[in-house]
C-alpha atoms as a PDB file:
ATOM      1  CA  GLN A   1     278.090  56.454  75.310  1.00  0.00           C
ATOM      2  CA  VAL A   2     278.450  54.684  70.916  1.00  0.00           C
ATOM      3  CA  GLN A   3     281.488  55.934  70.296  1.00  0.00           C
ATOM      4  CA  LEU A   4     282.812  55.943  66.391  1.00  0.00           C
ATOM      5  CA  VAL A   5     286.151  56.242  64.713  1.00  0.00           C
ATOM      6  CA  GLU A   6     286.267  57.523  60.933  1.00  0.00           C
ATOM      7  CA  SER A   7     289.566  56.488  59.401  1.00  0.00           C
ATOM      8  CA  GLY A   8     290.129  56.339  55.341  1.00  0.00           C
ATOM      9  CA  GLY A   9     290.510  60.384  54.377  1.00  0.00           C
ATOM     10  CA  GLY A  10     293.096  61.141  52.210  1.00  0.00           C
ATOM     11  CA  LEU A  11     294.493  63.198  49.487  1.00  0.00           C
ATOM     12  CA  VAL A  12     292.837  62.014  45.322  1.00  0.00           C
ATOM     13  CA  GLN A  13     292.880  63.149  42.154  1.00  0.00           C
ATOM     14  CA  ALA A  14     289.428  63.971  40.814  1.00  0.00           C
ATOM     15  CA  GLY A  15     288.492  61.040  38.789  1.00  0.00           C
ATOM     16  CA  ASP A  16     289.928  59.166  42.061  1.00  0.00           C
ATOM     17  CA  SER A  17     288.136  56.199  44.246  1.00  0.00           C
ATOM     18  CA  LEU A  18     287.483  56.315  48.089  1.00  0.00           C
ATOM     19  CA  ALA A  19     286.660  54.633  50.988  1.00  0.00           C
ATOM     20  CA  LEU A  20     285.834  55.617  54.133  1.00  0.00           C
ATOM     21  CA  SER A  21     284.909  53.088  56.765  1.00  0.00           C
ATOM     22  CA  CYS A  22     284.186  53.860  60.361  1.00  0.00           C
ATOM     23  CA  GLY A  23     284.544  51.662  62.911  1.00  0.00           C
ATOM     24  CA  ALA A  24     283.143  50.784  66.775  1.00  0.00           C
ATOM     25  CA  SER A  25     282.677  48.907  69.617  1.00  0.00           C
ATOM     26  CA  GLY A  26     279.556  45.900  71.500  1.00  0.00           C
ATOM     27  CA  ARG A  27     277.768  44.887  68.709  1.00  0.00           C
ATOM     28  CA  THR A  28     277.240  49.086  67.686  1.00  0.00           C
ATOM     29  CA  PHE A  29     275.572  48.563  64.207  1.00  0.00           C
ATOM     30  CA  ASP A  30     273.289  45.990  65.111  1.00  0.00           C
ATOM     31  CA  ASN A  31     271.178  48.136  66.426  1.00  0.00           C
ATOM     32  CA  TYR A  32     271.667  51.382  65.299  1.00  0.00           C
ATOM     33  CA  GLY A  33     271.599  53.155  61.909  1.00  0.00           C
ATOM     34  CA  VAL A  34     274.121  54.397  60.079  1.00  0.00           C
ATOM     35  CA  GLY A  35     274.595  57.660  57.698  1.00  0.00           C
ATOM     36  CA  TRP A  36     277.648  59.456  56.767  1.00  0.00           C
ATOM     37  CA  PHE A  37     277.727  63.822  56.471  1.00  0.00           C
ATOM     38  CA  ARG A  38     280.123  66.519  55.760  1.00  0.00           C
ATOM     39  CA  GLN A  39     281.292  69.259  56.112  1.00  0.00           C
ATOM     40  CA  ALA A  40     282.964  72.117  53.377  1.00  0.00           C
ATOM     41  CA  PRO A  41     284.938  75.173  54.615  1.00  0.00           C
ATOM     42  CA  GLY A  42     282.627  77.412  55.022  1.00  0.00           C
ATOM     43  CA  LYS A  43     279.445  75.541  54.937  1.00  0.00           C
ATOM     44  CA  GLU A  44     276.704  73.825  56.055  1.00  0.00           C
ATOM     45  CA  ARG A  45     277.013  70.098  57.544  1.00  0.00           C
ATOM     46  CA  GLU A  46     275.298  68.189  55.002  1.00  0.00           C
ATOM     47  CA  PHE A  47     273.941  64.544  54.767  1.00  0.00           C
ATOM     48  CA  VAL A  48     275.514  62.513  52.062  1.00  0.00           C
ATOM     49  CA  ALA A  49     273.965  58.432  53.027  1.00  0.00           C
ATOM     50  CA  ALA A  50     272.368  56.176  55.250  1.00  0.00           C
ATOM     51  CA  LEU A  51     272.019  52.945  56.310  1.00  0.00           C
ATOM     52  CA  SER A  52     269.728  51.304  58.172  1.00  0.00           C
ATOM     53  CA  TRP A  53     269.963  49.014  61.230  1.00  0.00           C
ATOM     54  CA  ASN A  54     269.259  45.734  59.239  1.00  0.00           C
ATOM     55  CA  GLY A  55     270.432  47.226  56.329  1.00  0.00           C
ATOM     56  CA  TYR A  56     267.115  47.538  54.597  1.00  0.00           C
ATOM     57  CA  SER A  57     266.902  51.200  53.196  1.00  0.00           C
ATOM     58  CA  THR A  58     269.582  53.980  51.787  1.00  0.00           C
ATOM     59  CA  ARG A  59     269.685  56.560  50.722  1.00  0.00           C
ATOM     60  CA  TYR A  60     271.433  59.013  49.678  1.00  0.00           C
ATOM     61  CA  VAL A  61     272.388  62.363  48.046  1.00  0.00           C
ATOM     62  CA  ASP A  62     271.332  63.651  44.513  1.00  0.00           C
ATOM     63  CA  SER A  63     275.503  64.993  44.352  1.00  0.00           C
ATOM     64  CA  VAL A  64     276.803  61.288  45.473  1.00  0.00           C
ATOM     65  CA  GLN A  65     274.192  59.281  43.513  1.00  0.00           C
ATOM     66  CA  GLY A  66     274.770  56.491  41.390  1.00  0.00           C
ATOM     67  CA  ARG A  67     278.875  56.878  42.519  1.00  0.00           C
ATOM     68  CA  CYS A  68     277.855  56.180  46.263  1.00  0.00           C
ATOM     69  CA  THR A  69     277.565  53.160  48.152  1.00  0.00           C
ATOM     70  CA  ILE A  70     277.203  52.453  52.276  1.00  0.00           C
ATOM     71  CA  SER A  71     277.819  49.505  53.604  1.00  0.00           C
ATOM     72  CA  LYS A  72     278.326  47.652  56.357  1.00  0.00           C
ATOM     73  CA  ASP A  73     279.546  43.994  58.458  1.00  0.00           C
ATOM     74  CA  ASN A  74     277.732  43.392  60.904  1.00  0.00           C
ATOM     75  CA  ASP A  75     281.258  41.209  62.027  1.00  0.00           C
ATOM     76  CA  ASN A  76     283.536  43.897  62.229  1.00  0.00           C
ATOM     77  CA  ASP A  77     280.900  46.910  63.621  1.00  0.00           C
ATOM     78  CA  THR A  78     282.430  48.770  60.279  1.00  0.00           C
ATOM     79  CA  VAL A  79     280.741  50.367  58.192  1.00  0.00           C
ATOM     80  CA  TYR A  80     281.814  51.743  55.123  1.00  0.00           C
ATOM     81  CA  LEU A  81     281.170  53.893  52.125  1.00  0.00           C
ATOM     82  CA  ARG A  82     283.137  53.929  49.355  1.00  0.00           C
ATOM     83  CA  MET A  83     283.312  56.435  46.512  1.00  0.00           C
ATOM     84  CA  ASN A  84     283.774  56.353  42.863  1.00  0.00           C
ATOM     85  CA  SER A  85     284.643  59.378  40.218  1.00  0.00           C
ATOM     86  CA  LEU A  86     285.752  62.148  42.829  1.00  0.00           C
ATOM     87  CA  LYS A  87     285.087  64.943  41.981  1.00  0.00           C
ATOM     88  CA  PRO A  88     286.918  68.440  43.573  1.00  0.00           C
ATOM     89  CA  GLY A  89     283.460  69.119  45.166  1.00  0.00           C
ATOM     90  CA  ASP A  90     283.197  66.136  46.935  1.00  0.00           C
ATOM     91  CA  THR A  91     286.432  68.068  49.230  1.00  0.00           C
ATOM     92  CA  ALA A  92     285.208  67.742  53.059  1.00  0.00           C
ATOM     93  CA  VAL A  93     285.596  66.379  56.789  1.00  0.00           C
ATOM     94  CA  TYR A  94     283.166  63.307  57.121  1.00  0.00           C
ATOM     95  CA  TYR A  95     281.949  61.954  60.005  1.00  0.00           C
ATOM     96  CA  CYS A  96     280.026  59.075  60.300  1.00  0.00           C
ATOM     97  CA  ALA A  97     276.659  58.377  62.688  1.00  0.00           C
ATOM     98  CA  ALA A  98     275.002  56.407  65.048  1.00  0.00           C
ATOM     99  CA  VAL A  99     270.659  56.909  64.954  1.00  0.00           C
ATOM    100  CA  ALA A 100     268.416  54.053  66.958  1.00  0.00           C
ATOM    101  CA  GLY A 101     266.465  51.946  64.567  1.00  0.00           C
ATOM    102  CA  MET A 102     265.960  54.648  61.954  1.00  0.00           C
ATOM    103  CA  CYS A 103     267.462  55.500  58.407  1.00  0.00           C
ATOM    104  CA  THR A 104     266.842  59.755  58.591  1.00  0.00           C
ATOM    105  CA  THR A 105     268.441  62.175  56.334  1.00  0.00           C
ATOM    106  CA  THR A 106     268.462  64.814  59.574  1.00  0.00           C
ATOM    107  CA  PRO A 107     271.467  65.357  61.115  1.00  0.00           C
ATOM    108  CA  THR A 108     269.030  66.610  64.274  1.00  0.00           C
ATOM    109  CA  ARG A 109     268.273  62.509  65.089  1.00  0.00           C
ATOM    110  CA  TYR A 110     272.040  60.835  64.827  1.00  0.00           C
ATOM    111  CA  ALA A 111     272.865  61.046  68.593  1.00  0.00           C
ATOM    112  CA  PHE A 112     276.468  59.752  68.216  1.00  0.00           C
ATOM    113  CA  TRP A 113     278.976  61.388  65.522  1.00  0.00           C
ATOM    114  CA  GLY A 114     282.056  60.486  64.805  1.00  0.00           C
ATOM    115  CA  GLN A 115     285.658  62.705  64.867  1.00  0.00           C
ATOM    116  CA  GLY A 116     285.829  63.292  61.614  1.00  0.00           C
ATOM    117  CA  ALA A 117     287.811  62.182  57.879  1.00  0.00           C
ATOM    118  CA  GLN A 118     289.558  65.088  56.275  1.00  0.00           C
ATOM    119  CA  VAL A 119     288.847  63.974  52.004  1.00  0.00           C
ATOM    120  CA  THR A 120     290.416  66.417  49.584  1.00  0.00           C
ATOM    121  CA  VAL A 121     290.395  66.052  45.910  1.00  0.00           C
ATOM    122  CA  SER A 122     292.158  67.387  43.719  1.00  0.00           C
ATOM    123  CA  SER A 123     291.592  68.720  39.928  1.00  0.00           C
END
């Protein structure tokens, strides 16, 4: 099955930038769309960003629009989430997920998930 591993989380200060990575193997992202989701303590999982399998379509939640960029490197089977101007409200566990051939904001559409990476933004 598809296996995803997030990395790059950590503790940052408000206003800083952070880049998360999601690595896979077997040329997964050549044929799978990818989504980033996050879950804060006591809250439901929410959509953050998505990228279609061919890289032509992107989607972002309104709260990160303009300060978040999703991209991928097919040669290295890696997807990135670059976040700028981080806020304490961005604190959460961030998950990457893969879905065959689409760009969707719906978590139930994604079949494969990583283990998550903690991002903590201090004020």
